[in-house]
Amino acid sequence: MLEFIITTLAEFGLIREDFKHQKRIRAKEKQDGVKRPFQKYALQPSALLFLCCFVLVVVSSIVFFAYQRKAIFPKKTKKEIAEMSGRVEAFKAHFNTYPNTINELIGNNPMRQSWKTDAWDRAYQYTITNNGNKFIIISAGYDGKFHTKDDITSSQ
């Protein structure tokens, strides 16, 4: 109920300000005889408020998604690579060899289907090194290119 009252008062105040704005513009138009349609409609308080809110939402969205790509995605990918590394070691303990591909590691488990790609939705690079004694899982990172400084690798 309180929200309804506050909303009604805010709308009434905005309508009143729009009316006062148009009244001022009409008075100026009568005074000098020049029509001002842009000032009359586009610069009224409700339009300016809408424009400010729109700009705020756009800027907030840009900042949020940029933060997500730079800060949250790397953490999520590191966690996923650590989880995958643990599973690879468990696979080796069970079968006495590392899996040849990530798909072999995933198997039919629907919970691990997300292991095919990193947080940026790019495929991981999985290789077995040192004559089958080690493995490495690499995410291309933020820039999407392998063998650059932003790559995220398993700690092997």
Foldseek 3Di string as FASTA:
>chain_A
DVVVVVVVVVVVVLVVQLVVQLVVQVVVCVVPVDDDPCSNPCVGPVNVVVVVVVVVVVVVVVVVVVCCQPPVQVVQQLVLQQVLVVLQVVVCVVVVFGDQDVCVSCDPPPVCPPQQAGPVRHGWDKDQDDVRPRIKIKHCGSVRHPPDPRIDMDDD
